[in-house]
């Protein structure tokens, strides 16, 4: 199972990234645990200064932008 964390305080970009993650997981048929992290202290504890951010299996993959579904799908399947 893949663990995916979407970090962001709830802005439109953060919500868009979450939707793209959900779509990528569905399209790839990946079994994933998707966690939305909105607490600013928890986000900073992970070393993230720019949101939205995407962490897959504990590794920061995207920060400060919204990754599209195609990019997320590729990251999930790495």
C-alpha atoms as a PDB file:
ATOM      1  CA  UNK A   1       0.000   0.000   0.000  1.00  0.00           C
ATOM      2  CA  UNK A   2       1.178   3.494  -0.854  1.00  0.00           C
ATOM      3  CA  UNK A   3       0.928   6.301   1.698  1.00  0.00           C
ATOM      4  CA  UNK A   4       0.238   9.689   0.123  1.00  0.00           C
ATOM      5  CA  UNK A   5       0.199  12.916   2.100  1.00  0.00           C
ATOM      6  CA  UNK A   6      -1.218  16.128   0.661  1.00  0.00           C
ATOM      7  CA  UNK A   7       0.056  19.092   2.654  1.00  0.00           C
ATOM      8  CA  UNK A   8      -1.712  22.432   2.579  1.00  0.00           C
ATOM      9  CA  UNK A   9      -3.836  24.723   4.680  1.00  0.00           C
ATOM     10  CA  UNK A  10      -6.978  24.335   2.588  1.00  0.00           C
ATOM     11  CA  UNK A  11      -6.449  26.841  -0.238  1.00  0.00           C
ATOM     12  CA  UNK A  12      -7.808  26.218  -3.747  1.00  0.00           C
ATOM     13  CA  UNK A  13      -4.438  24.888  -4.985  1.00  0.00           C
ATOM     14  CA  UNK A  14      -4.309  22.443  -2.079  1.00  0.00           C
ATOM     15  CA  UNK A  15      -7.801  21.204  -2.843  1.00  0.00           C
ATOM     16  CA  UNK A  16      -6.918  20.836  -6.530  1.00  0.00           C
ATOM     17  CA  UNK A  17      -3.836  18.774  -5.665  1.00  0.00           C
ATOM     18  CA  UNK A  18      -5.948  16.495  -3.448  1.00  0.00           C
ATOM     19  CA  UNK A  19      -8.453  15.961  -6.283  1.00  0.00           C
ATOM     20  CA  UNK A  20      -5.612  15.191  -8.701  1.00  0.00           C
ATOM     21  CA  UNK A  21      -4.153  12.668  -6.236  1.00  0.00           C
ATOM     22  CA  UNK A  22      -7.533  10.962  -5.820  1.00  0.00           C
ATOM     23  CA  UNK A  23      -7.961  10.801  -9.599  1.00  0.00           C
ATOM     24  CA  UNK A  24      -4.436   9.410 -10.134  1.00  0.00           C
ATOM     25  CA  UNK A  25      -4.952   6.736  -7.484  1.00  0.00           C
ATOM     26  CA  UNK A  26      -8.228   5.693  -9.105  1.00  0.00           C
ATOM     27  CA  UNK A  27      -6.813   5.683 -12.651  1.00  0.00           C
ATOM     28  CA  UNK A  28      -3.746   3.627 -11.693  1.00  0.00           C
ATOM     29  CA  UNK A  29      -5.728   1.227  -9.518  1.00  0.00           C
ATOM     30  CA  UNK A  30      -3.263   1.803  -6.694  1.00  0.00           C
ATOM     31  CA  UNK A  31      -4.131   0.829  -3.149  1.00  0.00           C
ATOM     32  CA  UNK A  32      -3.350   4.012  -1.260  1.00  0.00           C
ATOM     33  CA  UNK A  33      -3.867   5.651   2.079  1.00  0.00           C
ATOM     34  CA  UNK A  34      -4.422   9.360   1.326  1.00  0.00           C
ATOM     35  CA  UNK A  35      -3.853  11.733   4.225  1.00  0.00           C
ATOM     36  CA  UNK A  36      -4.647  15.466   4.131  1.00  0.00           C
ATOM     37  CA  UNK A  37      -2.352  17.467   6.417  1.00  0.00           C
ATOM     38  CA  UNK A  38      -3.690  20.978   7.115  1.00  0.00           C
ATOM     39  CA  UNK A  39      -1.975  21.838  10.399  1.00  0.00           C
ATOM     40  CA  UNK A  40       0.732  24.409   9.649  1.00  0.00           C
ATOM     41  CA  UNK A  41       2.980  23.117  12.449  1.00  0.00           C
ATOM     42  CA  UNK A  42       2.755  19.549  11.138  1.00  0.00           C
ATOM     43  CA  UNK A  43       3.561  20.815   7.636  1.00  0.00           C
ATOM     44  CA  UNK A  44       6.600  22.735   8.894  1.00  0.00           C
ATOM     45  CA  UNK A  45       7.740  19.712  10.932  1.00  0.00           C
ATOM     46  CA  UNK A  46       8.032  17.844   7.640  1.00  0.00           C
ATOM     47  CA  UNK A  47      10.370  20.560   6.334  1.00  0.00           C
ATOM     48  CA  UNK A  48       7.864  21.941   3.846  1.00  0.00           C
ATOM     49  CA  UNK A  49       7.897  25.706   3.368  1.00  0.00           C
ATOM     50  CA  UNK A  50       5.814  25.960   0.179  1.00  0.00           C
ATOM     51  CA  UNK A  51       2.363  24.458  -0.171  1.00  0.00           C
ATOM     52  CA  UNK A  52       0.700  22.623  -1.672  1.00  0.00           C
ATOM     53  CA  UNK A  53       3.086  19.725  -1.243  1.00  0.00           C
ATOM     54  CA  UNK A  54       2.941  16.024  -2.000  1.00  0.00           C
ATOM     55  CA  UNK A  55       4.703  13.320  -0.003  1.00  0.00           C
ATOM     56  CA  UNK A  56       4.653   9.717  -1.206  1.00  0.00           C
ATOM     57  CA  UNK A  57       5.843   7.012   1.191  1.00  0.00           C
ATOM     58  CA  UNK A  58       7.610   9.602   3.328  1.00  0.00           C
ATOM     59  CA  UNK A  59       9.482  11.250   0.446  1.00  0.00           C
ATOM     60  CA  UNK A  60       8.729  14.835  -0.630  1.00  0.00           C
ATOM     61  CA  UNK A  61       7.921  14.734  -4.340  1.00  0.00           C
ATOM     62  CA  UNK A  62       6.269  18.098  -5.091  1.00  0.00           C
ATOM     63  CA  UNK A  63       6.278  21.424  -3.247  1.00  0.00           C
ATOM     64  CA  UNK A  64       4.855  24.827  -4.093  1.00  0.00           C
ATOM     65  CA  UNK A  65       2.762  23.785  -7.083  1.00  0.00           C
ATOM     66  CA  UNK A  66      -0.121  21.603  -8.188  1.00  0.00           C
ATOM     67  CA  UNK A  67       1.064  18.432  -9.910  1.00  0.00           C
ATOM     68  CA  UNK A  68      -1.212  17.169 -12.657  1.00  0.00           C
ATOM     69  CA  UNK A  69      -2.801  13.724 -12.694  1.00  0.00           C
ATOM     70  CA  UNK A  70      -0.275  12.332 -15.198  1.00  0.00           C
ATOM     71  CA  UNK A  71       2.720  13.404 -13.081  1.00  0.00           C
ATOM     72  CA  UNK A  72       1.157  12.047  -9.876  1.00  0.00           C
ATOM     73  CA  UNK A  73       0.379   8.735 -11.577  1.00  0.00           C
ATOM     74  CA  UNK A  74       4.042   8.417 -12.608  1.00  0.00           C
ATOM     75  CA  UNK A  75       5.221   9.266  -9.081  1.00  0.00           C
ATOM     76  CA  UNK A  76       2.890   6.696  -7.541  1.00  0.00           C
ATOM     77  CA  UNK A  77       4.179   3.973  -9.831  1.00  0.00           C
ATOM     78  CA  UNK A  78       7.894   4.648  -9.209  1.00  0.00           C
END
